[in-house]
């Protein structure tokens, strides 16, 4: 059994760790509140824009658009836009992203040439050592995730798709549900998916009159919708990161509290045993003198 000095040092160390994890939990909670506010305000617009674009696209002959972003071609080269975080201590937040990339690489896209564009240091640090081609890292984007900066990045991806560098672009990120739950998603950015349907709802949408016409509206909306899609994904990931870190630090604080209590109990037992031994030695000495 450890002596009193060792137990005191361990109790002090665990208490210091508990203070750090508790502080990190509060910081993450404050950041999560801000991130949630951004998502709450942005999601309705992003979802409605995507819905409008899908409705237009489903009722339009894409061959008439003459837009390279809607061109569907044989998939040989795929770009994964991998969104993680710049910091750790967030539970399985980053490892789940890495697992998803590996799963897609050996599954759905095993016959394609895969390149990665990373947003976040953690995924980049792991995946660059796994023989993947890293076509750009944009870690600094998380320091200032404004719409303008993310739109510039999406423009680079659109240019790569237009010139044929990649035949498909997929974004992989953590979708924020609540502070304790995040779901890893892999969503296709390019080419623009056509969910053409023969349902009555789609037929009803085709009765609308568009001015000037379907094609011009779609060509104008596509870049905006794609930029908003990537912006939503990165903002979702940021909120998920803070939620995952807050949950992880909450559990770490609880575990540290439990460990500290166990150490204090052990300390009291050792201290009581030492006091008992001292009393026995005093009594034995007194009996010997008598």
C-alpha atoms as a PDB file:
ATOM      1  CA  UNK A   1       0.000   0.000   0.000  1.00  0.00           C
ATOM      2  CA  UNK A   2       1.245   3.513  -0.826  1.00  0.00           C
ATOM      3  CA  UNK A   3       2.546   5.656   2.012  1.00  0.00           C
ATOM      4  CA  UNK A   4       0.949   8.910   3.178  1.00  0.00           C
ATOM      5  CA  UNK A   5       3.221  11.178   1.139  1.00  0.00           C
ATOM      6  CA  UNK A   6       2.509   9.325  -2.105  1.00  0.00           C
ATOM      7  CA  UNK A   7      -1.229   9.418  -1.462  1.00  0.00           C
ATOM      8  CA  UNK A   8      -1.129  13.167  -0.691  1.00  0.00           C
ATOM      9  CA  UNK A   9       0.721  13.790  -3.959  1.00  0.00           C
ATOM     10  CA  UNK A  10      -1.786  11.729  -5.928  1.00  0.00           C
ATOM     11  CA  UNK A  11      -4.746  13.495  -4.308  1.00  0.00           C
ATOM     12  CA  UNK A  12      -3.192  16.866  -5.130  1.00  0.00           C
ATOM     13  CA  UNK A  13      -2.533  15.791  -8.733  1.00  0.00           C
ATOM     14  CA  UNK A  14      -6.078  14.477  -9.259  1.00  0.00           C
ATOM     15  CA  UNK A  15      -7.567  17.632  -7.707  1.00  0.00           C
ATOM     16  CA  UNK A  16      -5.543  19.820 -10.085  1.00  0.00           C
ATOM     17  CA  UNK A  17      -6.674  17.730 -13.062  1.00  0.00           C
ATOM     18  CA  UNK A  18     -10.273  17.984 -11.890  1.00  0.00           C
ATOM     19  CA  UNK A  19     -10.024  21.797 -11.779  1.00  0.00           C
ATOM     20  CA  UNK A  20      -8.683  21.854 -15.345  1.00  0.00           C
ATOM     21  CA  UNK A  21     -11.371  19.543 -16.743  1.00  0.00           C
ATOM     22  CA  UNK A  22     -14.085  21.478 -14.933  1.00  0.00           C
ATOM     23  CA  UNK A  23     -12.808  24.764 -16.390  1.00  0.00           C
ATOM     24  CA  UNK A  24     -12.605  23.255 -19.896  1.00  0.00           C
ATOM     25  CA  UNK A  25     -16.177  22.009 -19.534  1.00  0.00           C
ATOM     26  CA  UNK A  26     -17.423  25.509 -18.704  1.00  0.00           C
ATOM     27  CA  UNK A  27     -15.474  27.058 -21.590  1.00  0.00           C
ATOM     28  CA  UNK A  28     -16.866  24.490 -24.044  1.00  0.00           C
ATOM     29  CA  UNK A  29     -20.381  25.079 -22.718  1.00  0.00           C
ATOM     30  CA  UNK A  30     -20.063  28.813 -23.407  1.00  0.00           C
ATOM     31  CA  UNK A  31     -18.676  28.215 -26.917  1.00  0.00           C
ATOM     32  CA  UNK A  32     -21.357  25.625 -27.611  1.00  0.00           C
ATOM     33  CA  UNK A  33     -24.062  28.141 -26.774  1.00  0.00           C
ATOM     34  CA  UNK A  34     -22.686  30.548 -29.385  1.00  0.00           C
ATOM     35  CA  UNK A  35     -22.228  27.806 -31.980  1.00  0.00           C
ATOM     36  CA  UNK A  36     -25.783  26.558 -31.444  1.00  0.00           C
ATOM     37  CA  UNK A  37     -27.093  30.085 -31.925  1.00  0.00           C
ATOM     38  CA  UNK A  38     -25.334  30.333 -35.308  1.00  0.00           C
ATOM     39  CA  UNK A  39     -26.708  26.965 -36.457  1.00  0.00           C
ATOM     40  CA  UNK A  40     -30.237  27.743 -35.283  1.00  0.00           C
ATOM     41  CA  UNK A  41     -30.295  30.953 -37.308  1.00  0.00           C
ATOM     42  CA  UNK A  42     -28.599  29.500 -40.384  1.00  0.00           C
ATOM     43  CA  UNK A  43     -30.189  26.065 -40.805  1.00  0.00           C
ATOM     44  CA  UNK A  44     -33.669  27.146 -41.998  1.00  0.00           C
ATOM     45  CA  UNK A  45     -32.193  29.245 -44.815  1.00  0.00           C
ATOM     46  CA  UNK A  46     -29.708  26.542 -45.844  1.00  0.00           C
ATOM     47  CA  UNK A  47     -32.335  23.793 -45.843  1.00  0.00           C
ATOM     48  CA  UNK A  48     -34.859  25.890 -47.759  1.00  0.00           C
ATOM     49  CA  UNK A  49     -32.235  26.853 -50.338  1.00  0.00           C
ATOM     50  CA  UNK A  50     -31.282  23.200 -50.851  1.00  0.00           C
ATOM     51  CA  UNK A  51     -34.957  22.206 -51.075  1.00  0.00           C
ATOM     52  CA  UNK A  52     -35.660  24.890 -53.662  1.00  0.00           C
ATOM     53  CA  UNK A  53     -32.650  23.850 -55.722  1.00  0.00           C
ATOM     54  CA  UNK A  54     -33.672  20.178 -55.606  1.00  0.00           C
ATOM     55  CA  UNK A  55     -37.209  21.017 -56.709  1.00  0.00           C
ATOM     56  CA  UNK A  56     -35.942  23.089 -59.605  1.00  0.00           C
ATOM     57  CA  UNK A  57     -33.364  20.493 -60.555  1.00  0.00           C
ATOM     58  CA  UNK A  58     -35.891  17.638 -60.486  1.00  0.00           C
ATOM     59  CA  UNK A  59     -38.170  19.468 -62.907  1.00  0.00           C
ATOM     60  CA  UNK A  60     -35.498  20.660 -65.300  1.00  0.00           C
ATOM     61  CA  UNK A  61     -33.648  18.875 -68.061  1.00  0.00           C
ATOM     62  CA  UNK A  62     -30.086  19.149 -66.739  1.00  0.00           C
ATOM     63  CA  UNK A  63     -28.677  18.626 -70.237  1.00  0.00           C
ATOM     64  CA  UNK A  64     -29.959  22.104 -71.120  1.00  0.00           C
ATOM     65  CA  UNK A  65     -28.236  23.809 -68.203  1.00  0.00           C
ATOM     66  CA  UNK A  66     -24.781  23.831 -69.763  1.00  0.00           C
ATOM     67  CA  UNK A  67     -23.378  23.985 -66.216  1.00  0.00           C
ATOM     68  CA  UNK A  68     -20.284  21.847 -65.480  1.00  0.00           C
ATOM     69  CA  UNK A  69     -21.294  21.563 -61.812  1.00  0.00           C
ATOM     70  CA  UNK A  70     -24.289  19.410 -62.783  1.00  0.00           C
ATOM     71  CA  UNK A  71     -22.301  17.228 -65.168  1.00  0.00           C
ATOM     72  CA  UNK A  72     -22.287  13.592 -64.090  1.00  0.00           C
ATOM     73  CA  UNK A  73     -19.317  11.617 -65.362  1.00  0.00           C
ATOM     74  CA  UNK A  74     -17.596   8.337 -64.660  1.00  0.00           C
ATOM     75  CA  UNK A  75     -16.131   8.471 -61.166  1.00  0.00           C
ATOM     76  CA  UNK A  76     -12.403   7.822 -61.175  1.00  0.00           C
ATOM     77  CA  UNK A  77     -11.011  10.504 -58.864  1.00  0.00           C
ATOM     78  CA  UNK A  78     -12.768  11.387 -55.615  1.00  0.00           C
ATOM     79  CA  UNK A  79     -12.019  14.195 -53.167  1.00  0.00           C
ATOM     80  CA  UNK A  80     -12.967  13.804 -49.506  1.00  0.00           C
ATOM     81  CA  UNK A  81     -13.371  17.098 -47.656  1.00  0.00           C
ATOM     82  CA  UNK A  82     -12.615  15.906 -44.105  1.00  0.00           C
ATOM     83  CA  UNK A  83     -13.761  18.256 -41.332  1.00  0.00           C
ATOM     84  CA  UNK A  84     -12.289  17.619 -37.868  1.00  0.00           C
ATOM     85  CA  UNK A  85     -10.887  19.933 -35.167  1.00  0.00           C
ATOM     86  CA  UNK A  86      -7.608  21.651 -34.343  1.00  0.00           C
ATOM     87  CA  UNK A  87      -7.717  20.528 -30.699  1.00  0.00           C
ATOM     88  CA  UNK A  88      -8.159  17.224 -28.919  1.00  0.00           C
ATOM     89  CA  UNK A  89      -9.787  16.206 -25.631  1.00  0.00           C
ATOM     90  CA  UNK A  90     -13.147  15.841 -27.369  1.00  0.00           C
ATOM     91  CA  UNK A  91     -13.859  12.164 -26.844  1.00  0.00           C
ATOM     92  CA  UNK A  92     -14.420  10.184 -30.051  1.00  0.00           C
ATOM     93  CA  UNK A  93     -15.126  13.315 -32.117  1.00  0.00           C
ATOM     94  CA  UNK A  94     -12.022  13.094 -34.326  1.00  0.00           C
ATOM     95  CA  UNK A  95     -11.553   9.316 -34.270  1.00  0.00           C
ATOM     96  CA  UNK A  96     -15.076   8.812 -35.641  1.00  0.00           C
ATOM     97  CA  UNK A  97     -14.226  11.030 -38.619  1.00  0.00           C
ATOM     98  CA  UNK A  98     -11.049   9.042 -39.309  1.00  0.00           C
ATOM     99  CA  UNK A  99     -12.983   5.762 -39.059  1.00  0.00           C
ATOM    100  CA  UNK A 100     -15.562   7.059 -41.548  1.00  0.00           C
ATOM    101  CA  UNK A 101     -12.854   8.028 -44.045  1.00  0.00           C
ATOM    102  CA  UNK A 102     -11.231   4.596 -43.785  1.00  0.00           C
ATOM    103  CA  UNK A 103     -14.613   2.873 -44.068  1.00  0.00           C
ATOM    104  CA  UNK A 104     -15.479   4.720 -47.286  1.00  0.00           C
ATOM    105  CA  UNK A 105     -11.992   4.193 -48.692  1.00  0.00           C
ATOM    106  CA  UNK A 106     -12.179   0.394 -48.359  1.00  0.00           C
ATOM    107  CA  UNK A 107     -15.896   0.205 -49.086  1.00  0.00           C
ATOM    108  CA  UNK A 108     -17.915   2.382 -51.426  1.00  0.00           C
ATOM    109  CA  UNK A 109     -14.878   4.056 -53.047  1.00  0.00           C
ATOM    110  CA  UNK A 110     -12.361   1.200 -52.997  1.00  0.00           C
ATOM    111  CA  UNK A 111     -12.045   1.262 -56.818  1.00  0.00           C
ATOM    112  CA  UNK A 112     -11.493   5.037 -57.084  1.00  0.00           C
ATOM    113  CA  UNK A 113      -8.448   7.235 -56.581  1.00  0.00           C
ATOM    114  CA  UNK A 114      -9.015   9.103 -53.328  1.00  0.00           C
ATOM    115  CA  UNK A 115      -7.526  12.440 -52.271  1.00  0.00           C
ATOM    116  CA  UNK A 116      -8.198  14.304 -49.051  1.00  0.00           C
ATOM    117  CA  UNK A 117      -8.680  17.978 -48.307  1.00  0.00           C
ATOM    118  CA  UNK A 118      -8.602  18.443 -44.542  1.00  0.00           C
ATOM    119  CA  UNK A 119     -10.178  21.142 -42.389  1.00  0.00           C
ATOM    120  CA  UNK A 120      -8.744  20.562 -38.925  1.00  0.00           C
ATOM    121  CA  UNK A 121      -5.337  19.422 -37.685  1.00  0.00           C
ATOM    122  CA  UNK A 122      -6.393  16.238 -35.903  1.00  0.00           C
ATOM    123  CA  UNK A 123      -7.643  14.318 -38.931  1.00  0.00           C
ATOM    124  CA  UNK A 124      -4.744  15.642 -40.994  1.00  0.00           C
ATOM    125  CA  UNK A 125      -2.163  14.419 -38.487  1.00  0.00           C
ATOM    126  CA  UNK A 126      -3.603  10.908 -38.515  1.00  0.00           C
ATOM    127  CA  UNK A 127      -4.476  10.509 -42.195  1.00  0.00           C
ATOM    128  CA  UNK A 128      -1.273  11.924 -43.658  1.00  0.00           C
ATOM    129  CA  UNK A 129       0.553   8.911 -42.179  1.00  0.00           C
ATOM    130  CA  UNK A 130      -1.891   6.418 -43.715  1.00  0.00           C
ATOM    131  CA  UNK A 131      -0.676   6.705 -47.329  1.00  0.00           C
ATOM    132  CA  UNK A 132      -3.568   8.962 -48.346  1.00  0.00           C
ATOM    133  CA  UNK A 133      -2.967  11.798 -50.789  1.00  0.00           C
ATOM    134  CA  UNK A 134      -3.480  15.115 -48.970  1.00  0.00           C
ATOM    135  CA  UNK A 135      -4.553  17.736 -51.490  1.00  0.00           C
ATOM    136  CA  UNK A 136      -4.493  20.776 -49.225  1.00  0.00           C
ATOM    137  CA  UNK A 137      -5.025  21.389 -45.528  1.00  0.00           C
ATOM    138  CA  UNK A 138      -7.104  24.309 -44.315  1.00  0.00           C
ATOM    139  CA  UNK A 139      -6.616  24.156 -40.559  1.00  0.00           C
ATOM    140  CA  UNK A 140      -6.574  27.945 -40.182  1.00  0.00           C
ATOM    141  CA  UNK A 141     -10.162  28.091 -41.450  1.00  0.00           C
ATOM    142  CA  UNK A 142     -11.438  26.955 -38.045  1.00  0.00           C
ATOM    143  CA  UNK A 143      -9.890  30.028 -36.435  1.00  0.00           C
ATOM    144  CA  UNK A 144     -12.145  32.280 -38.524  1.00  0.00           C
ATOM    145  CA  UNK A 145     -15.027  30.175 -39.943  1.00  0.00           C
ATOM    146  CA  UNK A 146     -16.783  33.074 -41.642  1.00  0.00           C
ATOM    147  CA  UNK A 147     -19.048  32.525 -44.628  1.00  0.00           C
ATOM    148  CA  UNK A 148     -16.672  34.476 -46.870  1.00  0.00           C
ATOM    149  CA  UNK A 149     -13.675  32.259 -46.036  1.00  0.00           C
ATOM    150  CA  UNK A 150     -15.648  29.048 -46.461  1.00  0.00           C
ATOM    151  CA  UNK A 151     -17.160  30.319 -49.725  1.00  0.00           C
ATOM    152  CA  UNK A 152     -13.639  30.916 -51.066  1.00  0.00           C
ATOM    153  CA  UNK A 153     -12.712  27.331 -50.183  1.00  0.00           C
ATOM    154  CA  UNK A 154     -15.842  25.980 -51.884  1.00  0.00           C
ATOM    155  CA  UNK A 155     -14.945  27.998 -54.969  1.00  0.00           C
ATOM    156  CA  UNK A 156     -11.628  26.116 -55.125  1.00  0.00           C
ATOM    157  CA  UNK A 157     -13.482  22.802 -55.012  1.00  0.00           C
ATOM    158  CA  UNK A 158     -15.877  23.946 -57.749  1.00  0.00           C
ATOM    159  CA  UNK A 159     -12.905  24.949 -59.907  1.00  0.00           C
ATOM    160  CA  UNK A 160     -11.284  21.534 -59.370  1.00  0.00           C
ATOM    161  CA  UNK A 161     -14.502  19.797 -60.394  1.00  0.00           C
ATOM    162  CA  UNK A 162     -15.011  22.044 -63.416  1.00  0.00           C
ATOM    163  CA  UNK A 163     -11.552  21.348 -64.875  1.00  0.00           C
ATOM    164  CA  UNK A 164     -11.947  17.629 -64.235  1.00  0.00           C
ATOM    165  CA  UNK A 165      -9.414  17.169 -61.444  1.00  0.00           C
ATOM    166  CA  UNK A 166     -12.077  15.265 -59.504  1.00  0.00           C
ATOM    167  CA  UNK A 167     -15.205  13.480 -60.643  1.00  0.00           C
ATOM    168  CA  UNK A 168     -16.872  13.550 -57.244  1.00  0.00           C
ATOM    169  CA  UNK A 169     -16.473  15.621 -54.063  1.00  0.00           C
ATOM    170  CA  UNK A 170     -17.785  14.400 -50.699  1.00  0.00           C
ATOM    171  CA  UNK A 171     -17.762  16.261 -47.378  1.00  0.00           C
ATOM    172  CA  UNK A 172     -17.353  14.184 -44.189  1.00  0.00           C
ATOM    173  CA  UNK A 173     -18.240  15.873 -40.917  1.00  0.00           C
ATOM    174  CA  UNK A 174     -19.981  15.499 -37.546  1.00  0.00           C
ATOM    175  CA  UNK A 175     -23.632  16.532 -37.723  1.00  0.00           C
ATOM    176  CA  UNK A 176     -24.727  18.261 -34.524  1.00  0.00           C
ATOM    177  CA  UNK A 177     -27.870  16.880 -32.866  1.00  0.00           C
ATOM    178  CA  UNK A 178     -27.336  17.900 -29.249  1.00  0.00           C
ATOM    179  CA  UNK A 179     -24.490  18.307 -26.776  1.00  0.00           C
ATOM    180  CA  UNK A 180     -24.328  14.580 -26.127  1.00  0.00           C
ATOM    181  CA  UNK A 181     -24.930  13.273 -29.639  1.00  0.00           C
ATOM    182  CA  UNK A 182     -23.146  13.857 -32.920  1.00  0.00           C
ATOM    183  CA  UNK A 183     -23.587  11.764 -36.070  1.00  0.00           C
ATOM    184  CA  UNK A 184     -20.870  11.389 -38.712  1.00  0.00           C
ATOM    185  CA  UNK A 185     -22.219  12.185 -42.173  1.00  0.00           C
ATOM    186  CA  UNK A 186     -20.777  11.847 -45.657  1.00  0.00           C
ATOM    187  CA  UNK A 187     -22.651  14.119 -48.076  1.00  0.00           C
ATOM    188  CA  UNK A 188     -22.055  14.597 -51.782  1.00  0.00           C
ATOM    189  CA  UNK A 189     -21.149  18.151 -52.738  1.00  0.00           C
ATOM    190  CA  UNK A 190     -20.443  17.647 -56.427  1.00  0.00           C
ATOM    191  CA  UNK A 191     -21.888  16.771 -58.839  1.00  0.00           C
ATOM    192  CA  UNK A 192     -25.220  18.197 -57.767  1.00  0.00           C
ATOM    193  CA  UNK A 193     -27.493  15.241 -57.030  1.00  0.00           C
ATOM    194  CA  UNK A 194     -30.698  14.880 -59.022  1.00  0.00           C
ATOM    195  CA  UNK A 195     -33.418  13.263 -56.915  1.00  0.00           C
ATOM    196  CA  UNK A 196     -35.853  13.141 -59.807  1.00  0.00           C
ATOM    197  CA  UNK A 197     -39.103  11.563 -58.746  1.00  0.00           C
ATOM    198  CA  UNK A 198     -42.433  10.758 -60.358  1.00  0.00           C
ATOM    199  CA  UNK A 199     -44.373  11.475 -57.197  1.00  0.00           C
ATOM    200  CA  UNK A 200     -47.368  13.786 -57.242  1.00  0.00           C
ATOM    201  CA  UNK A 201     -45.531  16.353 -55.169  1.00  0.00           C
ATOM    202  CA  UNK A 202     -42.833  16.740 -57.780  1.00  0.00           C
ATOM    203  CA  UNK A 203     -45.399  17.003 -60.531  1.00  0.00           C
ATOM    204  CA  UNK A 204     -47.119  19.787 -58.605  1.00  0.00           C
ATOM    205  CA  UNK A 205     -43.870  21.704 -58.348  1.00  0.00           C
ATOM    206  CA  UNK A 206     -43.509  21.664 -62.121  1.00  0.00           C
ATOM    207  CA  UNK A 207     -46.706  23.754 -62.428  1.00  0.00           C
ATOM    208  CA  UNK A 208     -44.989  26.819 -61.009  1.00  0.00           C
ATOM    209  CA  UNK A 209     -44.018  29.580 -63.416  1.00  0.00           C
ATOM    210  CA  UNK A 210     -40.397  30.664 -63.025  1.00  0.00           C
ATOM    211  CA  UNK A 211     -39.075  33.981 -64.253  1.00  0.00           C
ATOM    212  CA  UNK A 212     -36.901  34.267 -66.237  1.00  0.00           C
ATOM    213  CA  UNK A 213     -36.718  30.410 -66.492  1.00  0.00           C
ATOM    214  CA  UNK A 214     -35.640  27.240 -64.687  1.00  0.00           C
ATOM    215  CA  UNK A 215     -32.182  27.134 -66.230  1.00  0.00           C
ATOM    216  CA  UNK A 216     -31.080  30.647 -65.342  1.00  0.00           C
ATOM    217  CA  UNK A 217     -32.381  30.373 -61.802  1.00  0.00           C
ATOM    218  CA  UNK A 218     -30.634  27.048 -61.236  1.00  0.00           C
ATOM    219  CA  UNK A 219     -27.333  28.280 -62.660  1.00  0.00           C
ATOM    220  CA  UNK A 220     -27.506  31.241 -60.297  1.00  0.00           C
ATOM    221  CA  UNK A 221     -28.501  29.181 -57.247  1.00  0.00           C
ATOM    222  CA  UNK A 222     -26.034  26.296 -57.624  1.00  0.00           C
ATOM    223  CA  UNK A 223     -22.871  28.149 -56.447  1.00  0.00           C
ATOM    224  CA  UNK A 224     -24.759  29.777 -53.569  1.00  0.00           C
ATOM    225  CA  UNK A 225     -26.287  26.471 -52.463  1.00  0.00           C
ATOM    226  CA  UNK A 226     -22.943  24.658 -52.596  1.00  0.00           C
ATOM    227  CA  UNK A 227     -21.194  27.347 -50.574  1.00  0.00           C
ATOM    228  CA  UNK A 228     -23.993  27.320 -48.016  1.00  0.00           C
ATOM    229  CA  UNK A 229     -23.842  23.507 -47.869  1.00  0.00           C
ATOM    230  CA  UNK A 230     -20.151  23.538 -46.951  1.00  0.00           C
ATOM    231  CA  UNK A 231     -20.672  26.424 -44.524  1.00  0.00           C
ATOM    232  CA  UNK A 232     -23.433  24.478 -42.765  1.00  0.00           C
ATOM    233  CA  UNK A 233     -21.257  21.349 -42.577  1.00  0.00           C
ATOM    234  CA  UNK A 234     -18.315  23.194 -41.003  1.00  0.00           C
ATOM    235  CA  UNK A 235     -20.539  25.085 -38.572  1.00  0.00           C
ATOM    236  CA  UNK A 236     -22.216  21.795 -37.642  1.00  0.00           C
ATOM    237  CA  UNK A 237     -18.781  20.308 -36.993  1.00  0.00           C
ATOM    238  CA  UNK A 238     -17.724  23.227 -34.787  1.00  0.00           C
ATOM    239  CA  UNK A 239     -20.848  22.910 -32.639  1.00  0.00           C
ATOM    240  CA  UNK A 240     -20.337  19.140 -32.475  1.00  0.00           C
ATOM    241  CA  UNK A 241     -16.749  19.643 -31.336  1.00  0.00           C
ATOM    242  CA  UNK A 242     -17.755  21.874 -28.438  1.00  0.00           C
ATOM    243  CA  UNK A 243     -20.571  19.527 -27.484  1.00  0.00           C
ATOM    244  CA  UNK A 244     -18.278  16.483 -27.574  1.00  0.00           C
ATOM    245  CA  UNK A 245     -15.587  18.274 -25.557  1.00  0.00           C
ATOM    246  CA  UNK A 246     -18.084  19.492 -22.969  1.00  0.00           C
ATOM    247  CA  UNK A 247     -19.423  15.953 -22.539  1.00  0.00           C
ATOM    248  CA  UNK A 248     -15.926  14.457 -22.378  1.00  0.00           C
ATOM    249  CA  UNK A 249     -14.763  16.991 -19.786  1.00  0.00           C
ATOM    250  CA  UNK A 250     -17.932  16.427 -17.740  1.00  0.00           C
ATOM    251  CA  UNK A 251     -17.197  12.699 -17.625  1.00  0.00           C
ATOM    252  CA  UNK A 252     -13.521  13.347 -16.873  1.00  0.00           C
ATOM    253  CA  UNK A 253     -14.468  15.630 -13.977  1.00  0.00           C
ATOM    254  CA  UNK A 254     -16.839  12.991 -12.583  1.00  0.00           C
ATOM    255  CA  UNK A 255     -14.149  10.307 -12.875  1.00  0.00           C
ATOM    256  CA  UNK A 256     -11.564  12.552 -11.219  1.00  0.00           C
ATOM    257  CA  UNK A 257     -13.977  13.281  -8.366  1.00  0.00           C
ATOM    258  CA  UNK A 258     -14.584   9.579  -7.840  1.00  0.00           C
ATOM    259  CA  UNK A 259     -10.857   8.811  -7.958  1.00  0.00           C
ATOM    260  CA  UNK A 260     -10.090  11.623  -5.511  1.00  0.00           C
ATOM    261  CA  UNK A 261     -12.695  10.314  -3.076  1.00  0.00           C
ATOM    262  CA  UNK A 262     -11.218   6.807  -3.296  1.00  0.00           C
ATOM    263  CA  UNK A 263      -7.716   8.169  -2.685  1.00  0.00           C
ATOM    264  CA  UNK A 264      -8.911  10.177   0.308  1.00  0.00           C
ATOM    265  CA  UNK A 265     -10.500   7.042   1.752  1.00  0.00           C
ATOM    266  CA  UNK A 266      -7.244   5.135   1.260  1.00  0.00           C
ATOM    267  CA  UNK A 267      -5.300   8.037   2.769  1.00  0.00           C
ATOM    268  CA  UNK A 268      -7.527   8.046   5.859  1.00  0.00           C
ATOM    269  CA  UNK A 269      -7.142   4.289   6.239  1.00  0.00           C
ATOM    270  CA  UNK A 270      -3.328   4.478   6.041  1.00  0.00           C
ATOM    271  CA  UNK A 271      -3.276   7.472   8.394  1.00  0.00           C
ATOM    272  CA  UNK A 272      -5.505   5.681  10.909  1.00  0.00           C
ATOM    273  CA  UNK A 273      -3.323   2.584  10.704  1.00  0.00           C
ATOM    274  CA  UNK A 274      -0.218   4.705  11.351  1.00  0.00           C
ATOM    275  CA  UNK A 275      -1.857   6.376  14.363  1.00  0.00           C
ATOM    276  CA  UNK A 276      -2.917   2.992  15.729  1.00  0.00           C
ATOM    277  CA  UNK A 277       0.632   1.646  15.363  1.00  0.00           C
ATOM    278  CA  UNK A 278       2.022   4.686  17.183  1.00  0.00           C
ATOM    279  CA  UNK A 279      -0.444   4.196  20.069  1.00  0.00           C
ATOM    280  CA  UNK A 280       0.451   0.518  20.294  1.00  0.00           C
ATOM    281  CA  UNK A 281       4.163   1.374  20.394  1.00  0.00           C
ATOM    282  CA  UNK A 282       3.586   3.938  23.172  1.00  0.00           C
ATOM    283  CA  UNK A 283       1.510   1.478  25.214  1.00  0.00           C
ATOM    284  CA  UNK A 284       4.106  -1.267  24.695  1.00  0.00           C
ATOM    285  CA  UNK A 285       6.885   1.105  25.805  1.00  0.00           C
ATOM    286  CA  UNK A 286       4.936   2.124  28.909  1.00  0.00           C
ATOM    287  CA  UNK A 287       4.345  -1.532  29.824  1.00  0.00           C
ATOM    288  CA  UNK A 288       8.048  -2.281  29.406  1.00  0.00           C
ATOM    289  CA  UNK A 289       9.001   0.563  31.794  1.00  0.00           C
ATOM    290  CA  UNK A 290       6.569  -0.726  34.396  1.00  0.00           C
END
